[in-house]
């Protein structure tokens, strides 16, 4: 997971979508006030999904959580769940969901199926689904969400580097440095991280191999090739860039270049 800066688009289709979403949000709030029920227009909140999925966008065509490249069936996750809420262990709470944020552009994150919809791997259920633990009070009406202190990271708001660390000497896995970091790991990937651990380790080892490859390639332009490779990691474009940056850090610590 990496820090993501997602500036709101300004093109005409986006602006029209935003206006339609604002109208739908007012309607859903009124519906809930009247009957404590509401209907969600899935097509509407997904209408500008390409802005979240595109490879030249803020998310670089990757899952906002694990940084896997989005494949054939990506999804849009509601960071604050839209219709039901559970604690970090998946226990359902008496909460209608954050219905007033269903169509909010900044409550949507591109996600792989595993991180969003959940999966079972080696008998362990992982994935965000409708889990949304908080430190303090829980919002139940529009505006109160600003008082919440979520315990699952949002990479468009939080800096994951303050909460997570990839460790190459502690089982080659993600380490939570804070309560938020530890709970995020537990919810998305499980404490063993088996569902994603192999992919992260492969990415880490790939960086080491590529860097040594550049150094001993014998090419006159090996430094330029290496720079292009590392730029892709530092910019966040590379798949699993958080783990790959840890590899760059470790190689630098070893000072492999003469």
Protein backbone atom coordinates (compact mmCIF):
# COMPACT_ATOMS: atom_id res chain seq x y z
CA UNK A 1 0.00 0.00 0.00
CA UNK A 2 1.32 3.41 -0.95
CA UNK A 3 0.25 7.02 -0.39
CA UNK A 4 -2.02 8.11 -3.24
CA UNK A 5 -2.83 11.65 -4.31
CA UNK A 6 -6.13 11.56 -6.16
CA UNK A 7 -7.07 15.02 -7.37
CA UNK A 8 -10.66 15.25 -8.49
CA UNK A 9 -10.99 15.24 -12.31
CA UNK A 10 -12.51 18.27 -13.99
CA UNK A 11 -13.71 17.00 -17.37
CA UNK A 12 -17.35 17.42 -18.42
CA UNK A 13 -18.43 13.79 -17.94
CA UNK A 14 -17.06 13.77 -14.41
CA UNK A 15 -18.78 17.05 -13.53
CA UNK A 16 -22.10 15.74 -14.86
CA UNK A 17 -21.64 12.51 -12.89
CA UNK A 18 -20.88 14.47 -9.72
CA UNK A 19 -24.09 16.47 -10.10
CA UNK A 20 -26.09 13.29 -10.66
CA UNK A 21 -24.44 11.77 -7.59
CA UNK A 22 -25.29 14.79 -5.46
CA UNK A 23 -28.94 14.52 -6.51
CA UNK A 24 -28.96 10.79 -5.75
CA UNK A 25 -27.32 11.39 -2.36
CA UNK A 26 -30.03 13.84 -1.35
CA UNK A 27 -32.64 11.33 -2.43
CA UNK A 28 -31.11 8.47 -0.46
CA UNK A 29 -30.86 10.60 2.68
CA UNK A 30 -34.54 11.57 2.35
CA UNK A 31 -35.51 7.92 1.80
CA UNK A 32 -33.70 6.87 4.96
CA UNK A 33 -35.29 9.65 7.01
CA UNK A 34 -38.75 8.52 5.91
CA UNK A 35 -38.47 4.74 6.09
CA UNK A 36 -35.05 3.76 7.45
CA UNK A 37 -34.54 2.03 4.10
CA UNK A 38 -32.82 3.00 0.87
CA UNK A 39 -32.09 1.70 -2.60
CA UNK A 40 -28.68 1.95 -4.24
CA UNK A 41 -28.16 2.65 -7.93
CA UNK A 42 -25.04 0.57 -8.57
CA UNK A 43 -24.70 1.76 -12.15
CA UNK A 44 -24.55 5.37 -11.00
CA UNK A 45 -21.68 5.10 -8.54
CA UNK A 46 -19.76 2.96 -11.04
CA UNK A 47 -20.33 5.28 -13.99
CA UNK A 48 -16.91 6.92 -13.76
CA UNK A 49 -15.06 3.75 -12.72
CA UNK A 50 -12.59 4.18 -15.57
CA UNK A 51 -11.10 7.16 -13.70
CA UNK A 52 -10.22 4.81 -10.87
CA UNK A 53 -9.03 1.91 -13.02
CA UNK A 54 -6.92 3.55 -15.72
CA UNK A 55 -3.18 2.88 -15.73
CA UNK A 56 -2.24 6.51 -16.31
CA UNK A 57 -4.43 7.69 -13.42
CA UNK A 58 -3.72 8.29 -9.76
CA UNK A 59 -4.00 4.59 -8.91
CA UNK A 60 -1.90 3.38 -11.88
CA UNK A 61 -4.38 0.59 -12.64
CA UNK A 62 -3.71 -1.09 -9.31
CA UNK A 63 -5.64 -2.14 -6.22
CA UNK A 64 -5.48 0.74 -3.73
CA UNK A 65 -4.79 -1.72 -0.94
CA UNK A 66 -2.41 -4.50 -2.00
CA UNK A 67 -1.15 -2.81 -5.21
CA UNK A 68 -1.83 -5.80 -7.43
CA UNK A 69 -2.55 -4.90 -11.05
CA UNK A 70 -6.31 -4.86 -11.62
CA UNK A 71 -7.28 -7.83 -13.74
CA UNK A 72 -10.46 -8.77 -15.61
CA UNK A 73 -12.95 -8.07 -12.83
CA UNK A 74 -11.82 -5.09 -10.73
CA UNK A 75 -14.23 -3.56 -8.26
CA UNK A 76 -14.90 -0.23 -6.60
CA UNK A 77 -14.72 -0.49 -2.85
CA UNK A 78 -16.70 1.82 -0.61
CA UNK A 79 -14.10 2.72 2.00
CA UNK A 80 -16.93 3.40 4.44
CA UNK A 81 -19.30 0.48 3.73
CA UNK A 82 -22.48 1.36 1.92
CA UNK A 83 -25.16 -0.94 3.35
CA UNK A 84 -23.85 -2.90 6.34
CA UNK A 85 -21.00 -2.51 8.81
CA UNK A 86 -18.94 -5.10 10.67
CA UNK A 87 -16.09 -4.91 13.16
CA UNK A 88 -12.55 -6.08 12.43
CA UNK A 89 -13.55 -9.69 13.10
CA UNK A 90 -16.50 -9.61 10.73
CA UNK A 91 -19.17 -9.36 13.43
CA UNK A 92 -22.13 -7.44 12.08
CA UNK A 93 -23.02 -4.23 13.91
CA UNK A 94 -26.39 -2.54 14.28
CA UNK A 95 -25.64 0.09 11.68
CA UNK A 96 -27.44 0.85 8.39
CA UNK A 97 -24.25 1.57 6.51
CA UNK A 98 -22.88 4.89 5.39
CA UNK A 99 -25.78 5.43 3.01
CA UNK A 100 -25.07 9.14 2.59
CA UNK A 101 -21.62 8.35 1.16
CA UNK A 102 -22.73 5.76 -1.42
CA UNK A 103 -22.17 8.19 -4.30
CA UNK A 104 -19.25 10.18 -2.82
CA UNK A 105 -16.30 10.08 -5.23
CA UNK A 106 -13.76 10.24 -2.39
CA UNK A 107 -15.30 7.22 -0.64
CA UNK A 108 -14.50 4.97 -3.61
CA UNK A 109 -11.27 3.03 -4.07
CA UNK A 110 -10.29 0.66 -6.89
CA UNK A 111 -9.76 -2.78 -5.50
CA UNK A 112 -8.95 -6.34 -6.48
CA UNK A 113 -11.62 -8.92 -5.75
CA UNK A 114 -9.66 -10.41 -2.86
CA UNK A 115 -9.14 -7.17 -0.93
CA UNK A 116 -12.69 -5.90 -1.49
CA UNK A 117 -15.06 -8.84 -1.75
CA UNK A 118 -13.05 -11.20 0.40
CA UNK A 119 -11.56 -14.64 -0.13
CA UNK A 120 -10.72 -17.78 1.81
CA UNK A 121 -7.14 -18.98 1.63
CA UNK A 122 -5.80 -21.98 3.57
CA UNK A 123 -8.93 -21.89 5.71
CA UNK A 124 -8.56 -18.21 6.64
CA UNK A 125 -11.15 -15.64 5.52
CA UNK A 126 -9.64 -12.33 4.50
CA UNK A 127 -10.78 -9.18 2.72
CA UNK A 128 -12.43 -5.91 3.66
CA UNK A 129 -16.05 -6.60 2.65
CA UNK A 130 -18.08 -4.50 5.10
CA UNK A 131 -15.51 -4.40 7.91
CA UNK A 132 -14.88 -0.90 9.21
CA UNK A 133 -13.50 -0.64 12.75
CA UNK A 134 -13.07 2.78 14.37
CA UNK A 135 -11.27 4.01 17.45
CA UNK A 136 -14.03 6.14 18.91
CA UNK A 137 -17.61 7.06 18.03
CA UNK A 138 -19.20 5.72 14.87
CA UNK A 139 -21.01 8.04 12.49
CA UNK A 140 -24.68 7.32 11.90
CA UNK A 141 -25.76 10.41 10.04
CA UNK A 142 -24.35 12.78 7.40
CA UNK A 143 -21.44 14.90 8.60
CA UNK A 144 -20.55 12.82 11.64
CA UNK A 145 -17.97 10.82 9.69
CA UNK A 146 -15.47 13.65 10.19
CA UNK A 147 -15.44 12.78 13.90
CA UNK A 148 -14.52 9.15 13.27
CA UNK A 149 -11.02 7.74 13.60
CA UNK A 150 -10.94 4.70 11.29
CA UNK A 151 -8.70 1.77 12.13
CA UNK A 152 -8.31 0.62 8.53
CA UNK A 153 -6.02 2.68 6.33
CA UNK A 154 -7.21 4.76 3.40
CA UNK A 155 -4.18 5.40 1.16
CA UNK A 156 -5.74 8.58 -0.27
CA UNK A 157 -5.85 10.03 3.27
CA UNK A 158 -3.29 8.15 5.36
CA UNK A 159 0.40 7.70 4.65
CA UNK A 160 0.84 3.91 4.78
CA UNK A 161 4.57 4.30 5.43
CA UNK A 162 3.74 5.64 8.90
CA UNK A 163 1.74 2.52 9.71
CA UNK A 164 3.24 -0.33 7.66
CA UNK A 165 6.71 -1.67 6.99
CA UNK A 166 7.88 -4.48 4.75
CA UNK A 167 10.40 -6.56 6.67
CA UNK A 168 12.90 -8.72 4.84
CA UNK A 169 14.31 -10.15 8.07
CA UNK A 170 11.08 -11.01 9.92
CA UNK A 171 9.62 -13.69 7.72
CA UNK A 172 9.46 -11.42 4.66
CA UNK A 173 6.08 -9.94 5.45
CA UNK A 174 4.25 -6.70 6.13
CA UNK A 175 4.62 -5.43 9.69
CA UNK A 176 2.13 -3.14 11.39
CA UNK A 177 3.88 -0.28 13.18
CA UNK A 178 0.64 1.13 14.63
CA UNK A 179 -2.76 -0.19 15.67
CA UNK A 180 -4.14 1.01 12.34
CA UNK A 181 -1.40 -0.83 10.48
CA UNK A 182 -1.92 -4.07 12.38
CA UNK A 183 -5.69 -4.05 11.91
CA UNK A 184 -5.37 -3.19 8.22
CA UNK A 185 -3.11 -6.23 7.73
CA UNK A 186 -5.47 -8.47 9.70
CA UNK A 187 -8.54 -7.40 7.73
CA UNK A 188 -7.14 -7.31 4.21
CA UNK A 189 -4.63 -10.16 4.15
CA UNK A 190 -4.83 -12.02 7.45
CA UNK A 191 -2.10 -12.11 10.05
CA UNK A 192 -0.18 -14.81 8.14
CA UNK A 193 -0.57 -12.84 4.87
CA UNK A 194 -0.48 -16.13 2.96
CA UNK A 195 -2.92 -14.86 0.32
CA UNK A 196 -0.49 -12.20 -0.93
CA UNK A 197 2.86 -13.05 0.71
CA UNK A 198 4.27 -14.98 -2.25
CA UNK A 199 3.53 -12.14 -4.69
CA UNK A 200 5.14 -9.58 -2.40
CA UNK A 201 8.22 -11.73 -1.84
CA UNK A 202 8.55 -12.30 -5.60
CA UNK A 203 8.39 -8.53 -6.19
CA UNK A 204 11.06 -7.94 -3.53
CA UNK A 205 13.40 -10.56 -4.99
CA UNK A 206 12.80 -9.26 -8.52
CA UNK A 207 14.14 -5.86 -7.54
CA UNK A 208 17.27 -7.38 -6.03
CA UNK A 209 17.88 -9.51 -9.12
CA UNK A 210 17.27 -6.62 -11.53
CA UNK A 211 19.57 -4.24 -9.66
CA UNK A 212 22.41 -6.73 -9.56
CA UNK A 213 21.68 -7.49 -13.21
CA UNK A 214 22.14 -3.85 -14.18
CA UNK A 215 25.35 -3.58 -12.20
CA UNK A 216 26.98 -6.58 -13.84
CA UNK A 217 25.38 -6.31 -17.29
CA UNK A 218 28.47 -4.82 -18.90
CA UNK A 219 26.29 -2.30 -20.76
CA UNK A 220 27.55 1.24 -21.16
CA UNK A 221 24.12 2.66 -20.30
CA UNK A 222 23.37 0.41 -17.32
CA UNK A 223 22.97 3.39 -15.00
CA UNK A 224 20.31 4.93 -17.24
CA UNK A 225 18.44 1.62 -17.44
CA UNK A 226 18.61 1.23 -13.69
CA UNK A 227 17.35 4.79 -13.19
CA UNK A 228 14.34 4.14 -15.41
CA UNK A 229 13.60 0.98 -13.45
CA UNK A 230 13.86 2.61 -10.04
CA UNK A 231 11.86 5.66 -11.16
CA UNK A 232 8.92 3.35 -11.86
CA UNK A 233 9.13 2.04 -8.32
CA UNK A 234 9.56 5.39 -6.59
CA UNK A 235 6.71 6.98 -8.56
CA UNK A 236 4.37 4.19 -7.46
CA UNK A 237 3.67 2.93 -10.98
CA UNK A 238 5.24 -0.48 -10.41
CA UNK A 239 3.10 -3.32 -9.09
CA UNK A 240 3.63 -3.78 -5.34
CA UNK A 241 5.71 -0.59 -5.25
CA UNK A 242 5.67 -0.42 -1.44
CA UNK A 243 7.50 -3.75 -1.20
CA UNK A 244 9.77 -2.88 -4.12
CA UNK A 245 10.78 0.36 -2.39
CA UNK A 246 11.79 -1.70 0.63
CA UNK A 247 14.10 -3.68 -1.67
CA UNK A 248 15.64 -0.44 -2.95
CA UNK A 249 16.19 0.63 0.66
CA UNK A 250 17.84 -2.65 1.57
CA UNK A 251 20.13 -2.61 -1.47
CA UNK A 252 21.15 0.95 -0.66
CA UNK A 253 21.95 -0.11 2.90
CA UNK A 254 24.27 -2.79 1.54
CA UNK A 255 25.91 -0.30 -0.87
CA UNK A 256 26.26 -2.81 -3.71
CA UNK A 257 27.53 -0.29 -6.25
CA UNK A 258 31.27 0.25 -6.20
